[in-house]
Amino acid sequence: MRILSTFLLGLMLTVSGLPAVAAEATTKEATPANPGFLADYDRLDKAGRPRKRYLVYMAPEAEGRAVHAILLLPATIAPPGAVFEDVTTEHMAALSARLDSRLRAGFSKHARIASDASGADVRLELAITQVGVEEKGRGLIDLVPLRLVTGSIRNVAQGKEMQAFLTIESRVLDAATGAVLRERLDHMAGEEIGRSGDPGTKLTLESLLPAADAWVEQLVKATAPELE
């Protein structure tokens, strides 16, 4: 189903009472004038199995394109300068480093890692756009495709079983021309962290790493040796 701007507005009203939340960034939220990391969120379509849903745009004729050499750009945070309330800057740095190292290891089994654009077929860019907690078993990607629910772990309704989550936006570009071949938004569940309202319930780096590793595995399979 094509995601329309009017549909997104309706989603904001629908999900405003949900207990699932994302760690709130101190920078302003994405708006039509500041759409975030990807070029066009309106053209993303739902894909994947129900419990592993993601949003994706594939340029015409890009599917099936061979990827023999790939330039990997370091993971970033979007919007630039965002600080997530429940996550330390040190943990964000460690999370970015984990993504970078796992991507390099994963892609090296299927393609050559290029040192610059001249030696690559495509380049991969990615950004962490949400880090937070949500009610166990709830897939926000089905309801909230673009940072529409924000808050903090301390604001979650009492007694809910909670799990960490990570949202990553990525794009694959033609290395020579910079043309967009694929844009993708993934919302990945991490480990359970306890029940809301419990003082011992905390968002930790360890609870986020399984989400990061699962994302890397899925993205490598969808990118090399050919785009899908």
Protein backbone atom coordinates (compact mmCIF):
# COMPACT_ATOMS: atom_id res chain seq x y z
CA MET A 1 0.00 0.00 0.00
CA ARG A 2 1.37 3.38 -0.98
CA ILE A 3 1.99 5.56 2.05
CA LEU A 4 0.44 8.98 1.53
CA SER A 5 1.05 12.16 3.46
CA THR A 6 -2.59 12.33 4.49
CA PHE A 7 -2.38 8.76 5.79
CA LEU A 8 0.61 9.70 7.94
CA LEU A 9 -1.39 12.54 9.46
CA GLY A 10 -4.16 10.13 10.33
CA LEU A 11 -1.65 7.77 11.91
CA MET A 12 -0.49 10.48 14.28
CA LEU A 13 -4.00 10.78 15.64
CA THR A 14 -4.49 7.01 15.79
CA VAL A 15 -1.33 6.15 17.70
CA SER A 16 -1.22 9.08 20.11
CA GLY A 17 -2.47 6.88 22.95
CA LEU A 18 -0.21 3.86 22.34
CA PRO A 19 2.13 2.81 25.16
CA ALA A 20 4.96 2.07 22.73
CA VAL A 21 7.41 4.97 22.63
CA ALA A 22 10.68 6.02 21.07
CA ALA A 23 13.45 7.80 22.93
CA GLU A 24 12.89 11.46 22.21
CA ALA A 25 15.49 13.36 20.24
CA THR A 26 16.25 16.87 21.46
CA THR A 27 16.35 18.19 17.90
CA LYS A 28 13.14 18.98 16.04
CA GLU A 29 11.07 16.20 14.52
CA ALA A 30 11.01 15.49 10.80
CA THR A 31 8.71 17.78 8.82
CA PRO A 32 7.97 18.19 5.08
CA ALA A 33 10.70 20.87 5.00
CA ASN A 34 13.06 18.66 7.01
CA PRO A 35 12.16 15.12 5.92
CA GLY A 36 15.01 13.32 7.66
CA PHE A 37 17.58 10.97 6.18
CA LEU A 38 15.77 9.54 3.15
CA ALA A 39 14.87 11.56 0.08
CA ASP A 40 11.13 10.82 -0.09
CA TYR A 41 9.18 8.98 2.61
CA ASP A 42 5.93 9.08 0.64
CA ARG A 43 7.25 6.63 -1.93
CA LEU A 44 8.15 3.91 0.60
CA ASP A 45 6.09 0.71 0.41
CA LYS A 46 5.57 -1.99 3.03
CA ALA A 47 7.49 -5.20 2.40
CA GLY A 48 8.59 -8.31 4.25
CA ARG A 49 6.75 -10.78 6.44
CA PRO A 50 4.26 -9.40 9.02
CA ARG A 51 6.61 -9.75 11.99
CA LYS A 52 9.60 -8.52 9.99
CA ARG A 53 7.96 -5.65 8.17
CA TYR A 54 10.03 -2.87 6.68
CA LEU A 55 9.46 0.04 4.32
CA VAL A 56 11.30 0.25 1.03
CA TYR A 57 11.60 2.10 -2.27
CA MET A 58 13.33 0.47 -5.22
CA ALA A 59 14.17 2.56 -8.26
CA PRO A 60 12.83 1.25 -11.58
CA GLU A 61 15.03 -1.56 -12.92
CA ALA A 62 17.31 -1.43 -9.83
CA GLU A 63 16.10 -4.79 -8.50
CA GLY A 64 18.48 -7.55 -9.50
CA ARG A 65 21.35 -5.17 -10.20
CA ALA A 66 24.69 -6.85 -9.53
CA VAL A 67 26.71 -5.63 -6.57
CA HIS A 68 30.30 -6.86 -6.88
CA ALA A 69 31.98 -3.98 -5.04
CA ILE A 70 30.47 -1.73 -2.38
CA LEU A 71 31.60 1.45 -0.67
CA LEU A 72 30.46 1.50 2.97
CA LEU A 73 30.02 4.90 4.59
CA PRO A 74 30.15 5.14 8.40
CA ALA A 75 26.86 4.96 10.29
CA THR A 76 25.46 8.35 11.28
CA ILE A 77 22.60 9.71 13.39
CA ALA A 78 19.65 11.52 11.84
CA PRO A 79 18.62 14.21 12.13
CA PRO A 80 22.23 15.43 12.58
CA GLY A 81 23.02 16.23 16.19
CA ALA A 82 20.06 14.32 17.61
CA VAL A 83 20.49 13.16 21.22
CA PHE A 84 18.25 10.33 22.41
CA GLU A 85 17.11 10.81 25.98
CA ASP A 86 17.49 7.25 27.26
CA VAL A 87 20.80 6.48 25.51
CA THR A 88 24.25 7.86 26.33
CA THR A 89 26.48 9.32 23.64
CA GLU A 90 29.03 6.61 24.43
CA HIS A 91 26.44 3.90 23.78
CA MET A 92 25.42 5.54 20.52
CA ALA A 93 29.07 5.61 19.43
CA ALA A 94 29.42 1.93 20.33
CA LEU A 95 26.23 1.09 18.47
CA SER A 96 27.45 2.89 15.34
CA ALA A 97 30.80 1.12 15.55
CA ARG A 98 29.03 -2.24 15.87
CA LEU A 99 27.00 -1.56 12.73
CA ASP A 100 30.10 -0.53 10.79
CA SER A 101 32.16 -3.57 11.78
CA ARG A 102 29.34 -6.08 11.24
CA LEU A 103 28.48 -4.60 7.84
CA ARG A 104 32.09 -4.85 6.71
CA ALA A 105 32.34 -8.44 7.88
CA GLY A 106 28.99 -9.38 6.33
CA PHE A 107 29.55 -7.78 2.94
CA SER A 108 33.11 -9.09 2.63
CA LYS A 109 31.64 -12.59 2.18
CA HIS A 110 29.65 -11.55 -0.90
CA ALA A 111 31.34 -8.52 -2.45
CA ARG A 112 34.55 -6.53 -2.47
CA ILE A 113 34.73 -3.63 -0.01
CA ALA A 114 35.83 -0.63 -2.05
CA SER A 115 38.01 2.13 -0.64
CA ASP A 116 36.46 4.87 -2.79
CA ALA A 117 33.59 5.44 -5.22
CA SER A 118 35.74 4.88 -8.29
CA GLY A 119 36.20 1.23 -7.38
CA ALA A 120 32.61 0.53 -6.33
CA ASP A 121 29.34 -0.42 -8.02
CA VAL A 122 27.25 1.12 -5.24
CA ARG A 123 27.67 2.96 -1.98
CA LEU A 124 25.69 2.32 1.19
CA GLU A 125 24.71 5.11 3.58
CA LEU A 126 22.82 4.57 6.83
CA ALA A 127 21.52 6.49 9.81
CA ILE A 128 20.13 5.55 13.20
CA THR A 129 16.89 7.54 13.51
CA GLN A 130 15.20 6.04 16.57
CA VAL A 131 16.43 4.26 19.68
CA GLY A 132 14.00 3.43 22.43
CA VAL A 133 11.63 1.02 24.14
CA GLU A 134 8.27 -0.38 23.16
CA GLU A 135 5.71 -2.84 24.43
CA LYS A 136 6.87 -6.41 23.77
CA GLY A 137 5.50 -7.84 20.53
CA ARG A 138 4.31 -4.55 19.11
CA GLY A 139 5.66 -3.76 15.64
CA LEU A 140 5.68 0.00 15.35
CA ILE A 141 6.67 -0.23 11.71
CA ASP A 142 3.09 -1.26 10.90
CA LEU A 143 1.69 1.84 12.58
CA VAL A 144 4.35 4.50 12.71
CA PRO A 145 6.55 4.67 9.61
CA LEU A 146 8.22 7.99 10.39
CA ARG A 147 9.02 9.03 13.96
CA LEU A 148 5.45 9.95 14.86
CA VAL A 149 5.53 8.63 18.44
CA THR A 150 8.17 10.01 20.77
CA GLY A 151 8.73 10.04 24.49
CA SER A 152 10.85 8.39 27.16
CA ILE A 153 10.91 5.12 29.04
CA ARG A 154 9.72 6.88 32.18
CA ASN A 155 6.46 7.85 30.44
CA VAL A 156 5.40 4.32 29.50
CA ALA A 157 2.23 2.94 31.10
CA GLN A 158 2.94 0.90 34.25
CA GLY A 159 3.44 -2.85 34.17
CA LYS A 160 3.97 -3.47 30.44
CA GLU A 161 6.63 -5.94 29.29
CA MET A 162 9.11 -3.81 27.40
CA GLN A 163 11.77 -4.45 24.77
CA ALA A 164 14.44 -2.31 23.21
CA PHE A 165 14.14 -1.26 19.58
CA LEU A 166 16.21 0.38 16.90
CA THR A 167 15.12 2.14 13.72
CA ILE A 168 17.65 2.40 10.89
CA GLU A 169 17.22 4.17 7.57
CA SER A 170 19.51 3.20 4.69
CA ARG A 171 20.05 4.05 1.07
CA VAL A 172 21.97 2.40 -1.73
CA LEU A 173 23.27 4.80 -4.36
CA ASP A 174 24.95 4.32 -7.71
CA ALA A 175 28.62 4.90 -6.89
CA ALA A 176 29.31 6.75 -10.13
CA THR A 177 26.22 8.97 -10.47
CA GLY A 178 24.82 9.16 -6.93
CA ALA A 179 21.38 8.12 -8.18
CA VAL A 180 19.17 6.44 -5.58
CA LEU A 181 18.77 2.73 -6.24
CA ARG A 182 17.04 1.73 -2.99
CA GLU A 183 15.87 3.44 0.18
CA ARG A 184 14.80 1.42 3.20
CA LEU A 185 13.47 1.94 6.73
CA ASP A 186 13.80 -0.93 9.23
CA HIS A 187 12.39 -1.10 12.76
CA MET A 188 14.18 -3.86 14.69
CA ALA A 189 13.26 -5.38 18.06
CA GLY A 190 16.01 -5.91 20.61
CA GLU A 191 15.99 -7.79 23.91
CA GLU A 192 13.42 -7.58 26.68
CA ILE A 193 14.44 -5.13 29.40
CA GLY A 194 11.76 -5.71 32.05
CA ARG A 195 8.45 -4.12 32.92
CA SER A 196 7.64 -0.44 32.76
CA GLY A 197 7.42 1.19 36.16
CA ASP A 198 10.15 -1.04 37.57
CA PRO A 199 13.17 1.07 38.67
CA GLY A 200 15.43 -1.68 37.35
CA THR A 201 14.07 -1.41 33.80
CA LYS A 202 16.69 0.38 31.74
CA LEU A 203 17.57 0.67 28.09
CA THR A 204 21.06 -0.78 27.72
CA LEU A 205 23.56 -1.15 24.92
CA GLU A 206 23.40 -4.93 25.33
CA SER A 207 19.65 -4.92 24.74
CA LEU A 208 20.11 -3.03 21.46
CA LEU A 209 22.94 -5.10 19.94
CA PRO A 210 20.71 -8.04 18.83
CA ALA A 211 18.57 -5.55 16.88
CA ALA A 212 21.67 -4.10 15.21
CA ASP A 213 23.03 -7.54 14.32
CA ALA A 214 19.69 -8.72 12.91
CA TRP A 215 19.45 -5.59 10.77
CA VAL A 216 22.93 -6.15 9.34
CA GLU A 217 22.09 -9.74 8.44
CA GLN A 218 18.90 -8.72 6.65
CA LEU A 219 20.50 -5.81 4.77
CA VAL A 220 23.48 -7.82 3.53
CA LYS A 221 21.15 -10.50 2.15
CA ALA A 222 19.09 -7.85 0.36
CA THR A 223 22.08 -6.01 -1.11
CA ALA A 224 24.78 -8.42 -2.26
CA PRO A 225 25.51 -10.03 -4.62
CA GLU A 226 22.47 -8.29 -6.15
CA LEU A 227 19.89 -5.76 -5.01
CA GLU A 228 16.49 -7.04 -3.94
